[in-house]
Amino acid sequence: MSTKPPSEAVALEYGKNKTPRVTAKGRDEMARRIIAEARRQGVYVAEDPQLLSLLSRLDLGQEIPQDMFTAVAVILSWVYWLKGMKPGDEKKEV
């Protein structure tokens, strides 16, 4: 984990969507607020500068394009593993 304060953040939501979508993005103070809220809600925060660079080009509400599926899938598979989930669990009603 980096000790440098984040200068940019992009939040994705997958859940019941067919593909992940950009739900929040920001720089500087907004990036810190996005990350703080994610952590407060127990959301995994990945630090991947290359993926961030790609995702930051997307608009709010935009689905990730097909050429980003693999990179995002790697992050999602790690999150599933950390949470003891398996594919499809995210679509179940809580």
Protein backbone atom coordinates (compact mmCIF):
# COMPACT_ATOMS: atom_id res chain seq x y z
CA MET A 1 0.00 0.00 0.00
CA SER A 2 1.28 3.42 -0.91
CA THR A 3 1.82 6.14 1.70
CA LYS A 4 1.44 8.88 -0.93
CA PRO A 5 -2.03 10.47 -0.83
CA PRO A 6 -4.09 9.55 -3.90
CA SER A 7 -4.36 12.24 -6.52
CA GLU A 8 -6.92 10.44 -8.68
CA ALA A 9 -9.56 7.74 -8.17
CA VAL A 10 -12.16 5.92 -10.23
CA ALA A 11 -14.92 3.83 -8.68
CA LEU A 12 -16.54 0.93 -10.49
CA GLU A 13 -19.83 -0.76 -9.69
CA TYR A 14 -20.53 -4.23 -10.95
CA GLY A 15 -23.19 -5.92 -8.85
CA LYS A 16 -26.32 -6.32 -10.93
CA ASN A 17 -24.92 -4.67 -14.08
CA LYS A 18 -23.93 -6.80 -17.04
CA THR A 19 -20.53 -5.08 -17.07
CA PRO A 20 -18.79 -2.80 -14.57
CA ARG A 21 -19.63 0.91 -14.82
CA VAL A 22 -17.85 4.04 -13.67
CA THR A 23 -19.82 5.38 -10.72
CA ALA A 24 -17.43 8.02 -9.39
CA LYS A 25 -14.20 9.66 -10.38
CA GLY A 26 -12.19 12.58 -9.20
CA ARG A 27 -8.86 14.18 -8.50
CA ASP A 28 -7.14 15.42 -5.36
CA GLU A 29 -9.71 16.02 -2.57
CA MET A 30 -12.50 14.23 -4.47
CA ALA A 31 -10.21 11.23 -5.00
CA ARG A 32 -9.47 11.11 -1.26
CA ARG A 33 -13.20 11.28 -0.48
CA ILE A 34 -14.02 8.49 -2.96
CA ILE A 35 -11.36 6.23 -1.44
CA ALA A 36 -12.34 7.07 2.14
CA GLU A 37 -15.99 6.27 1.44
CA ALA A 38 -15.07 3.03 -0.31
CA ARG A 39 -13.00 1.93 2.68
CA ARG A 40 -15.72 3.01 5.10
CA GLN A 41 -18.15 0.74 3.27
CA GLY A 42 -15.70 -2.17 3.13
CA VAL A 43 -15.05 -1.84 -0.60
CA TYR A 44 -11.68 -3.13 -1.80
CA VAL A 45 -9.42 -0.36 -3.10
CA ALA A 46 -6.92 -1.43 -5.77
CA GLU A 47 -3.87 0.65 -6.58
CA ASP A 48 -3.09 0.10 -10.25
CA PRO A 49 -1.75 3.22 -11.98
CA GLN A 50 -2.03 1.74 -15.49
CA LEU A 51 -5.65 0.67 -15.00
CA LEU A 52 -6.45 4.02 -13.36
CA SER A 53 -5.03 5.81 -16.39
CA LEU A 54 -7.35 3.85 -18.69
CA LEU A 55 -10.44 4.08 -16.47
CA SER A 56 -10.03 7.81 -15.87
CA ARG A 57 -10.74 8.38 -19.59
CA LEU A 58 -14.25 6.98 -19.22
CA ASP A 59 -17.31 9.08 -18.43
CA LEU A 60 -19.49 8.67 -15.34
CA GLY A 61 -22.04 5.93 -15.93
CA GLN A 62 -20.08 4.48 -18.83
CA GLU A 63 -19.60 0.71 -19.01
CA ILE A 64 -16.03 -0.40 -19.26
CA PRO A 65 -15.13 -1.16 -22.87
CA GLN A 66 -14.30 -4.68 -23.98
CA ASP A 67 -10.58 -3.95 -24.25
CA MET A 68 -10.51 -3.33 -20.46
CA PHE A 69 -12.39 -6.51 -19.47
CA THR A 70 -9.26 -8.54 -18.72
CA ALA A 71 -7.63 -5.89 -16.53
CA VAL A 72 -10.83 -5.31 -14.56
CA ALA A 73 -11.50 -9.06 -14.32
CA VAL A 74 -8.13 -9.56 -12.63
CA ILE A 75 -9.05 -6.99 -9.97
CA LEU A 76 -12.56 -8.45 -9.56
CA SER A 77 -11.22 -12.01 -9.20
CA TRP A 78 -8.91 -10.81 -6.44
CA VAL A 79 -11.83 -9.10 -4.69
CA TYR A 80 -13.96 -12.26 -4.96
CA TRP A 81 -11.14 -14.26 -3.41
CA LEU A 82 -10.63 -11.76 -0.57
CA LYS A 83 -14.34 -11.78 0.24
CA GLY A 84 -14.75 -15.56 -0.09
CA MET A 85 -17.20 -15.07 -2.96
CA LYS A 86 -17.67 -16.88 -6.23
CA PRO A 87 -18.95 -15.51 -9.56
CA GLY A 88 -22.67 -14.82 -9.41
CA ASP A 89 -22.72 -14.04 -5.68
CA GLU A 90 -22.73 -10.31 -6.45
CA LYS A 91 -26.08 -10.66 -8.22
CA LYS A 92 -27.84 -12.29 -5.27
CA GLU A 93 -30.22 -10.26 -3.14
CA VAL A 94 -28.83 -9.48 0.30
